[in-house]
Amino acid sequence: MKILLKSVKLVDKGHPANGEVIDILINKGKIEQVGREIAQIKDAKVIQDKGLCVSQGWIDLHANLQDPGFEHKEDLQSGLKAAAKGGFTKVCVSALTDPVRDSKDQIHYLIKQHAQSAVELLPYASLTKQAEGSQLSEFYDLSVAGAVGFSDDSRPIRNANVLKNALLYSRSMDALVVNFPYQNDLSPEGVMNEGVQSTHLGLKGIPKLAEELMVQRDLYLQDYCQGRLHFSNLSSSKSIEMVANAKKQGATVSCDVASYQLLLNDESLMSYDTRYKTLPPLRDQKEIQKIIKLIQRGKIDALTSDHLPQDIDSKMKEFDLASFGVINLQTAVPAALTALNEVVELEQTIELFTDGPARVLGIELPGIAEGETANLTLFNPDKEFVFTKEEVQSKSMNSPFFKTKLRGAVFGIIQGKNMELAK
């Protein structure tokens, strides 16, 4: 099938035609021609829309798709649909399923599921067997099977010796080690950000120190062992600065932040709405402004959805007992564009979902150039919309953005011969 993209604005910081309005002809999954005023092609599907932009396909570094074991919250097909609607062509999938993804067969199972989709699933394998934090998984076999990294997801590696051995072992295959830094001994019953709001609401707080202590420990371990270390879901500006300083000194470290953390703050919990219960918790507005300034300075490698579907029984409880997590695959980039509008250049924001995560994973994205495989996201960064329950593709409804006006409507995605349009 031939596809002709007409009069689309190119958003790609590293492309010589960045910011220009161009046409792109795609034939059999390959970019055949890039230029201005490409003549109408017989039998080609023409895509044209006011304000339409094109970038490299977006990558999500962290999503929980809950299959197998928790399909009532999300299955791979509903997750693929949500990712496509959110503009992602690649999604890194958490290993915290049931059973935990720590075998080659489970890696192969996940990879097979996206064969007919324009979204590619990139599996994380658990860093430790059963994600119990004690014995390392079979890194080599899992890496050969297709695992893009090793992570116990929201279960921090508390044992320093385990992380040390993981970093040492990973060096032989240049594997990515991912840790979520959370020293929960400091707040074993914490449910929200420690601060004025937690005191006012009478809820137990989670201090930024719980994150910062583990980041500092892990940076010492990485300096000792070397290896590629990525910090997932940072929420403290001090943590981000520590990672940035280590990177400046030559450490192979990186970090990401969940996009909803930029748009929501701990005042959202004033109504005790459990849809805003996240881990790490929503921080106060002062901290969020510090993080946005670090994004402006290029100190953050990627933004993620941190998509974590929860069924109604998991959320409709007293705040202390409700599960952590939000769904965000469909709203991840719009949330970022809304929060960063007028303070961060569009190209820089989009880079946090394209080249940034690609560098973290150590993969190359196809360029927007003749002869390259099509890997594109189509979107209108200025178009505003109100997210509603009727639009949700996930099986779960734990979104914090219902009835919220967001910027950046996704038009569709193209990856190889597969295309999915939002309308």
Protein backbone atom coordinates (compact mmCIF):
# COMPACT_ATOMS: atom_id res chain seq x y z
CA MET A 1 0.00 0.00 0.00
CA LYS A 2 1.17 3.51 -0.81
CA ILE A 3 0.64 6.35 1.67
CA LEU A 4 1.18 10.02 0.83
CA LEU A 5 1.53 12.43 3.74
CA LYS A 6 0.75 15.90 2.40
CA SER A 7 1.87 19.20 3.91
CA VAL A 8 3.04 17.85 7.26
CA LYS A 9 5.39 19.81 9.52
CA LEU A 10 8.51 17.84 10.42
CA VAL A 11 9.34 17.77 14.13
CA ASP A 12 12.79 16.22 14.51
CA LYS A 13 15.50 18.17 16.32
CA GLY A 14 18.33 16.41 14.48
CA HIS A 15 16.82 16.53 10.97
CA PRO A 16 18.07 19.18 8.50
CA ALA A 17 14.45 19.89 7.49
CA ASN A 18 13.20 20.28 11.08
CA GLY A 19 10.31 22.74 11.22
CA GLU A 20 9.65 22.64 7.48
CA VAL A 21 6.40 21.58 5.81
CA ILE A 22 7.05 18.57 3.59
CA ASP A 23 5.42 15.63 1.80
CA ILE A 24 6.36 12.02 2.49
CA LEU A 25 5.59 9.07 0.20
CA ILE A 26 5.59 5.63 1.79
CA ASN A 27 5.53 2.47 -0.33
CA LYS A 28 5.36 -1.03 1.12
CA GLY A 29 6.47 0.15 4.52
CA LYS A 30 9.47 2.14 3.26
CA ILE A 31 9.89 5.87 2.82
CA GLU A 32 10.22 6.26 -0.94
CA GLN A 33 10.32 10.02 -1.27
CA VAL A 34 10.66 13.08 0.97
CA GLY A 35 10.19 16.52 -0.52
CA ARG A 36 7.90 19.42 -1.24
CA GLU A 37 4.84 19.17 -3.44
CA ILE A 38 5.10 15.47 -4.30
CA ALA A 39 2.70 14.83 -7.16
CA GLN A 40 -0.47 12.90 -6.49
CA ILE A 41 0.21 9.16 -6.73
CA LYS A 42 -2.34 6.80 -8.21
CA ASP A 43 -3.83 4.39 -5.64
CA ALA A 44 -2.03 6.13 -2.77
CA LYS A 45 -3.90 6.85 0.45
CA VAL A 46 -3.54 10.59 1.03
CA ILE A 47 -3.28 11.84 4.61
CA GLN A 48 -3.65 15.57 5.10
CA ASP A 49 -4.99 17.64 7.97
CA LYS A 50 -4.68 21.21 9.19
CA GLY A 51 -1.81 21.60 11.67
CA LEU A 52 -0.58 18.03 11.16
CA CYS A 53 2.99 17.29 12.29
CA VAL A 54 5.15 14.21 11.84
CA SER A 55 8.00 12.89 13.98
CA GLN A 56 9.84 9.65 14.47
CA GLY A 57 7.64 7.09 16.19
CA TRP A 58 7.28 7.67 19.92
CA ILE A 59 8.76 5.23 22.45
CA ASP A 60 7.39 4.57 25.93
CA LEU A 61 10.09 3.32 28.32
CA HIS A 62 7.68 2.02 30.94
CA ALA A 63 4.21 0.50 30.74
CA ASN A 64 2.47 -2.31 32.62
CA LEU A 65 0.24 -4.34 30.31
CA GLN A 66 -0.72 -6.91 32.98
CA ASP A 67 -0.74 -9.96 30.66
CA PRO A 68 -0.47 -12.75 31.71
CA GLY A 69 -2.08 -12.98 35.12
CA PHE A 70 -4.04 -9.73 35.41
CA GLU A 71 -5.94 -9.64 32.13
CA HIS A 72 -9.03 -8.26 33.89
CA LYS A 73 -7.04 -5.02 34.32
CA GLU A 74 -5.38 -5.03 30.89
CA ASP A 75 -4.47 -7.51 28.20
CA LEU A 76 -1.97 -7.10 25.41
CA GLN A 77 -4.57 -6.30 22.78
CA SER A 78 -6.18 -3.53 24.81
CA GLY A 79 -2.70 -2.28 25.70
CA LEU A 80 -1.70 -2.21 22.03
CA LYS A 81 -4.83 -0.23 21.17
CA ALA A 82 -4.16 2.27 23.96
CA ALA A 83 -0.54 2.66 22.84
CA ALA A 84 -1.57 3.27 19.22
CA LYS A 85 -4.13 5.88 20.28
CA GLY A 86 -1.41 7.52 22.34
CA GLY A 87 0.95 7.74 19.36
CA PHE A 88 3.50 5.14 20.46
CA THR A 89 5.14 2.83 17.93
CA LYS A 90 7.28 1.09 20.58
CA VAL A 91 6.39 0.28 24.19
CA CYS A 92 8.69 -1.24 26.81
CA VAL A 93 6.62 -3.67 28.86
CA SER A 94 7.08 -4.35 32.56
CA ALA A 95 8.07 -7.85 33.68
CA LEU A 96 5.70 -7.79 36.68
CA THR A 97 3.14 -10.22 35.35
CA ASP A 98 1.96 -13.52 36.82
CA PRO A 99 4.16 -15.43 36.36
CA VAL A 100 6.92 -12.82 36.42
CA ARG A 101 8.66 -12.58 33.04
CA ASP A 102 11.95 -14.33 33.80
CA SER A 103 12.06 -17.03 31.11
CA LYS A 104 12.77 -17.14 27.37
CA ASP A 105 9.30 -18.53 26.60
CA GLN A 106 7.67 -15.53 28.23
CA ILE A 107 9.83 -13.15 26.19
CA HIS A 108 8.88 -14.96 22.98
CA TYR A 109 5.20 -14.93 23.96
CA LEU A 110 5.18 -11.15 24.35
CA ILE A 111 7.05 -10.43 21.13
CA LYS A 112 4.64 -12.58 19.09
CA GLN A 113 1.63 -10.57 20.23
CA HIS A 114 2.37 -7.43 18.20
CA ALA A 115 2.80 -9.09 14.80
CA GLN A 116 -0.28 -7.45 13.27
CA SER A 117 0.00 -4.14 15.13
CA ALA A 118 1.74 -0.88 14.27
CA VAL A 119 3.00 -0.93 17.88
CA GLU A 120 6.08 -2.98 18.74
CA LEU A 121 6.29 -4.45 22.24
CA LEU A 122 9.77 -4.37 23.79
CA PRO A 123 9.95 -6.75 26.76
CA TYR A 124 11.78 -6.13 29.98
CA ALA A 125 12.82 -9.29 31.80
CA SER A 126 12.85 -9.32 35.58
CA LEU A 127 16.23 -8.46 37.05
CA THR A 128 15.84 -11.12 39.71
CA LYS A 129 14.02 -14.43 39.58
CA GLN A 130 10.35 -13.96 40.40
CA ALA A 131 11.28 -10.30 41.01
CA GLU A 132 12.01 -11.29 44.60
CA GLY A 133 15.21 -9.27 44.79
CA SER A 134 17.61 -12.07 45.69
CA GLN A 135 18.81 -14.27 42.80
CA LEU A 136 19.66 -12.82 39.38
CA SER A 137 17.68 -13.90 36.33
CA GLU A 138 19.44 -15.56 33.40
CA PHE A 139 20.60 -12.33 31.78
CA TYR A 140 22.33 -13.85 28.77
CA ASP A 141 19.54 -16.21 27.71
CA LEU A 142 16.87 -13.54 28.23
CA SER A 143 18.89 -10.96 26.32
CA VAL A 144 19.34 -13.31 23.36
CA ALA A 145 15.58 -14.04 23.46
CA GLY A 146 14.82 -10.34 22.99
CA ALA A 147 14.73 -8.65 26.40
CA VAL A 148 15.68 -4.97 26.03
CA GLY A 149 16.59 -4.57 29.69
CA PHE A 150 16.32 -6.02 33.17
CA SER A 151 14.05 -4.53 35.81
CA ASP A 152 11.99 -5.57 38.80
CA ASP A 153 9.81 -2.56 38.00
CA SER A 154 8.18 -1.04 41.10
CA ARG A 155 10.06 -3.45 43.37
CA PRO A 156 13.33 -1.64 44.18
CA ILE A 157 16.54 -3.65 44.39
CA ARG A 158 17.09 -3.19 48.11
CA ASN A 159 20.07 -5.54 48.37
CA ALA A 160 23.15 -3.59 47.25
CA ASN A 161 25.06 -6.79 46.49
CA VAL A 162 22.36 -7.95 44.08
CA LEU A 163 22.52 -4.70 42.13
CA LYS A 164 26.33 -4.82 42.18
CA ASN A 165 26.31 -8.32 40.69
CA ALA A 166 23.68 -7.31 38.12
CA LEU A 167 25.83 -4.41 36.92
CA LEU A 168 28.96 -6.57 36.77
CA TYR A 169 27.20 -9.40 34.93
CA SER A 170 25.42 -7.05 32.51
CA ARG A 171 28.70 -5.59 31.25
CA SER A 172 29.59 -8.70 29.23
CA MET A 173 26.48 -8.27 27.04
CA ASP A 174 26.07 -4.48 27.35
CA ALA A 175 22.65 -5.07 28.92
CA LEU A 176 20.54 -2.30 30.43
CA VAL A 177 19.88 -2.50 34.18
CA VAL A 178 16.86 -0.55 35.41
CA ASN A 179 16.05 0.25 39.03
CA PHE A 180 13.17 2.14 40.61
CA PRO A 181 14.84 3.98 43.51
CA TYR A 182 12.65 3.86 46.60
CA GLN A 183 14.00 3.23 50.09
CA ASN A 184 10.64 2.25 51.54
CA ASP A 185 12.08 1.66 55.00
CA LEU A 186 11.80 5.44 55.40
CA SER A 187 8.07 5.40 54.67
CA PRO A 188 6.72 1.83 54.93
CA GLU A 189 3.13 3.04 55.12
CA GLY A 190 3.47 6.21 53.05
CA VAL A 191 0.75 6.93 50.50
CA MET A 192 1.48 10.47 49.22
CA ASN A 193 4.13 13.18 49.12
CA GLU A 194 5.41 14.18 52.55
CA GLY A 195 4.67 17.85 53.04
CA VAL A 196 2.04 20.42 53.86
CA GLN A 197 -0.72 18.55 52.04
CA SER A 198 -0.06 15.19 53.72
CA THR A 199 -0.17 16.91 57.11
CA HIS A 200 -3.40 18.69 56.19
CA LEU A 201 -5.03 15.49 54.92
CA GLY A 202 -3.79 13.32 57.77
CA LEU A 203 -2.12 10.85 55.35
CA LYS A 204 1.30 9.28 55.84
CA GLY A 205 3.92 10.85 53.62
CA ILE A 206 6.71 9.59 51.36
CA PRO A 207 9.71 11.94 51.53
CA LYS A 208 11.89 12.72 48.54
CA LEU A 209 14.74 11.39 50.68
CA ALA A 210 13.39 7.85 50.16
CA GLU A 211 14.26 8.23 46.49
CA GLU A 212 17.41 10.28 46.82
CA LEU A 213 19.19 7.88 49.20
CA MET A 214 18.81 4.96 46.80
CA VAL A 215 19.86 7.05 43.80
CA GLN A 216 23.05 8.01 45.63
CA ARG A 217 23.73 4.39 46.61
CA ASP A 218 23.15 3.15 43.06
CA LEU A 219 25.43 5.80 41.59
CA TYR A 220 28.23 4.65 43.89
CA LEU A 221 27.60 1.06 42.78
CA GLN A 222 27.63 2.03 39.11
CA ASP A 223 30.89 3.93 39.56
CA TYR A 224 32.41 0.83 41.15
CA CYS A 225 31.02 -1.74 38.69
CA GLN A 226 30.42 0.29 35.53
CA GLY A 227 27.60 -1.08 33.33
CA ARG A 228 24.51 0.72 31.98
CA LEU A 229 22.17 1.86 34.75
CA HIS A 230 18.82 3.56 34.25
CA PHE A 231 16.72 5.17 36.98
CA SER A 232 12.99 4.76 36.42
CA ASN A 233 10.28 7.23 37.49
CA LEU A 234 12.29 9.87 39.31
CA SER A 235 10.27 12.52 41.15
CA SER A 236 12.93 14.54 42.97
CA SER A 237 14.92 17.33 41.34
CA LYS A 238 17.87 16.46 43.58
CA SER A 239 17.82 12.87 42.28
CA ILE A 240 17.84 14.10 38.69
CA GLU A 241 20.72 16.47 39.39
CA MET A 242 22.74 13.65 40.95
CA VAL A 243 22.23 11.50 37.83
CA ALA A 244 23.08 14.42 35.54
CA ASN A 245 26.29 15.15 37.46
CA ALA A 246 27.34 11.50 37.31
CA LYS A 247 26.69 11.46 33.58
CA LYS A 248 28.77 14.63 33.17
CA GLN A 249 31.64 12.78 34.83
CA GLY A 250 31.36 9.94 32.30
CA ALA A 251 29.00 7.49 34.01
CA THR A 252 26.72 5.47 31.72
CA VAL A 253 23.58 6.37 33.63
CA SER A 254 20.21 7.81 32.59
CA CYS A 255 16.82 8.61 34.05
CA ASP A 256 13.19 9.19 33.17
CA VAL A 257 10.18 10.96 34.68
CA ALA A 258 6.50 10.04 34.28
CA SER A 259 4.74 12.72 32.22
CA TYR A 260 1.79 12.98 34.60
CA GLN A 261 4.22 14.12 37.30
CA LEU A 262 4.69 17.36 35.34
CA LEU A 263 1.00 18.28 35.17
CA LEU A 264 -0.39 17.07 38.51
CA ASN A 265 0.67 17.94 42.05
CA ASP A 266 -0.15 16.79 45.57
CA GLU A 267 -3.00 19.31 45.83
CA SER A 268 -4.91 16.96 43.49
CA LEU A 269 -5.38 14.65 46.50
CA MET A 270 -7.47 17.16 48.45
CA SER A 271 -10.62 15.16 47.64
CA TYR A 272 -8.94 11.83 48.57
CA ASP A 273 -9.50 10.69 44.96
CA THR A 274 -7.50 7.45 44.64
CA ARG A 275 -6.97 8.02 40.90
CA TYR A 276 -4.20 10.40 42.01
CA LYS A 277 -2.47 7.83 44.20
CA THR A 278 0.81 7.09 42.45
CA LEU A 279 4.26 5.74 43.27
CA PRO A 280 6.39 7.78 43.38
CA PRO A 281 3.78 10.18 44.72
CA LEU A 282 2.72 13.41 43.09
CA ARG A 283 5.07 16.07 44.43
CA ASP A 284 4.31 19.70 45.33
CA GLN A 285 4.23 22.42 42.67
CA LYS A 286 7.55 23.91 43.76
CA GLU A 287 9.31 20.60 43.12
CA ILE A 288 7.55 20.20 39.77
CA GLN A 289 8.82 23.60 38.65
CA LYS A 290 12.36 22.53 39.55
CA ILE A 291 11.97 19.38 37.44
CA ILE A 292 10.65 21.39 34.48
CA LYS A 293 13.71 23.65 34.69
CA LEU A 294 15.90 20.53 34.56
CA ILE A 295 14.05 19.45 31.43
CA GLN A 296 14.77 22.87 29.91
CA ARG A 297 18.45 22.30 30.65
CA GLY A 298 18.43 18.83 29.05
CA LYS A 299 19.07 16.94 32.29
CA ILE A 300 16.36 14.30 31.81
CA ASP A 301 16.74 11.53 29.22
CA ALA A 302 13.12 10.55 28.66
CA LEU A 303 9.51 10.96 29.69
CA THR A 304 7.28 7.92 30.13
CA SER A 305 3.64 6.99 30.57
CA ASP A 306 4.20 4.83 33.68
CA HIS A 307 0.95 3.18 32.57
CA LEU A 308 -0.41 1.00 35.38
CA PRO A 309 -4.02 -0.17 34.94
CA GLN A 310 -5.98 -0.94 38.10
CA ASP A 311 -9.49 -2.38 38.24
CA ILE A 312 -12.25 -0.65 40.17
CA ASP A 313 -11.88 -2.97 43.17
CA SER A 314 -8.25 -1.91 43.53
CA LYS A 315 -9.05 1.79 43.52
CA MET A 316 -12.49 2.10 45.17
CA LYS A 317 -11.13 1.75 48.69
CA GLU A 318 -10.01 3.95 51.54
CA PHE A 319 -7.04 5.97 50.34
CA ASP A 320 -4.56 4.09 52.54
CA LEU A 321 -5.68 0.74 51.11
CA ALA A 322 -6.11 1.64 47.42
CA SER A 323 -3.53 0.50 44.87
CA PHE A 324 -0.99 2.87 43.34
CA GLY A 325 -1.06 3.70 39.62
CA VAL A 326 -2.71 5.50 36.72
CA ILE A 327 -3.44 4.68 33.10
CA ASN A 328 -1.52 7.07 30.87
CA LEU A 329 -0.63 5.47 27.51
CA GLN A 330 -3.22 7.56 25.67
CA THR A 331 -2.40 10.78 27.51
CA ALA A 332 1.36 10.57 28.16
CA VAL A 333 2.51 12.91 25.39
CA PRO A 334 -0.47 15.29 25.61
CA ALA A 335 0.17 15.61 29.36
CA ALA A 336 3.80 16.52 28.64
CA LEU A 337 2.88 18.96 25.87
CA THR A 338 0.31 20.62 28.13
CA ALA A 339 2.71 20.95 31.07
CA LEU A 340 5.66 22.12 28.96
CA ASN A 341 3.81 24.38 26.52
CA GLU A 342 5.62 27.71 26.05
CA VAL A 343 8.44 26.74 28.43
CA VAL A 344 10.10 23.91 26.46
CA GLU A 345 10.50 23.82 22.67
CA LEU A 346 8.24 21.31 20.91
CA GLU A 347 11.23 19.51 19.36
CA GLN A 348 12.81 19.06 22.77
CA THR A 349 9.63 17.63 24.29
CA ILE A 350 9.17 15.18 21.42
CA GLU A 351 12.83 14.15 21.68
CA LEU A 352 12.07 12.92 25.21
CA PHE A 353 9.77 10.33 23.58
CA THR A 354 11.99 9.49 20.58
CA ASP A 355 15.78 9.86 20.53
CA GLY A 356 15.96 10.08 24.33
CA PRO A 357 14.47 6.66 25.08
CA ALA A 358 16.23 5.18 22.03
CA ARG A 359 19.59 6.21 23.52
CA VAL A 360 18.63 4.71 26.88
CA LEU A 361 17.76 1.40 25.22
CA GLY A 362 20.78 1.48 22.93
CA ILE A 363 18.71 1.15 19.76
CA GLU A 364 18.66 3.12 16.52
CA LEU A 365 15.45 4.64 15.23
CA PRO A 366 14.83 4.72 11.48
CA GLY A 367 15.29 8.27 10.25
CA ILE A 368 12.75 10.22 8.24
CA ALA A 369 14.67 9.75 5.02
CA GLU A 370 14.33 7.97 1.69
CA GLY A 371 15.01 4.25 1.94
CA GLU A 372 14.29 4.05 5.67
CA THR A 373 11.54 1.90 7.18
CA ALA A 374 8.55 4.07 8.05
CA ASN A 375 8.41 4.66 11.81
CA LEU A 376 6.25 7.73 12.25
CA THR A 377 3.82 9.41 14.61
CA LEU A 378 1.31 11.93 13.24
CA PHE A 379 -0.05 14.52 15.65
CA ASN A 380 -1.25 18.09 16.06
CA PRO A 381 0.63 19.67 18.99
CA ASP A 382 -1.68 22.69 19.18
CA LYS A 383 -5.02 20.92 19.03
CA GLU A 384 -6.77 20.85 22.38
CA PHE A 385 -9.16 18.11 23.49
CA VAL A 386 -10.93 16.94 26.62
CA PHE A 387 -10.14 13.33 27.55
CA THR A 388 -13.27 11.30 28.32
CA LYS A 389 -14.08 7.80 29.55
CA GLU A 390 -15.60 6.97 26.17
CA GLU A 391 -12.16 7.31 24.54
CA VAL A 392 -10.38 4.89 26.86
CA GLN A 393 -8.95 1.83 25.11
CA SER A 394 -7.61 0.25 28.30
CA LYS A 395 -9.73 -2.20 30.28
CA SER A 396 -9.21 -0.01 33.36
CA MET A 397 -10.48 3.49 34.09
CA ASN A 398 -7.94 4.82 36.60
CA SER A 399 -7.04 7.94 34.62
CA PRO A 400 -6.37 11.21 36.46
CA PHE A 401 -7.16 13.20 33.30
CA PHE A 402 -10.89 12.72 32.78
CA LYS A 403 -12.54 16.05 31.92
CA THR A 404 -9.10 17.64 31.65
CA LYS A 405 -8.23 19.83 28.67
CA LEU A 406 -5.00 18.58 27.09
CA ARG A 407 -2.87 19.69 24.14
CA GLY A 408 -1.50 17.49 21.39
CA ALA A 409 -4.06 15.32 19.61
CA VAL A 410 -2.65 12.13 18.05
CA PHE A 411 -3.69 11.53 14.44
CA GLY A 412 -2.11 8.10 13.97
CA ILE A 413 1.02 5.98 13.69
CA ILE A 414 2.81 4.18 10.87
CA GLN A 415 5.38 1.44 11.43
CA GLY A 416 6.51 -0.55 8.42
CA LYS A 417 3.48 -1.85 6.55
CA ASN A 418 1.16 -1.32 9.52
CA MET A 419 -0.81 1.87 10.07
CA GLU A 420 -3.33 2.84 12.73
CA LEU A 421 -5.22 6.13 12.58
CA ALA A 422 -6.94 7.71 15.54
CA LYS A 423 -9.88 8.75 13.37
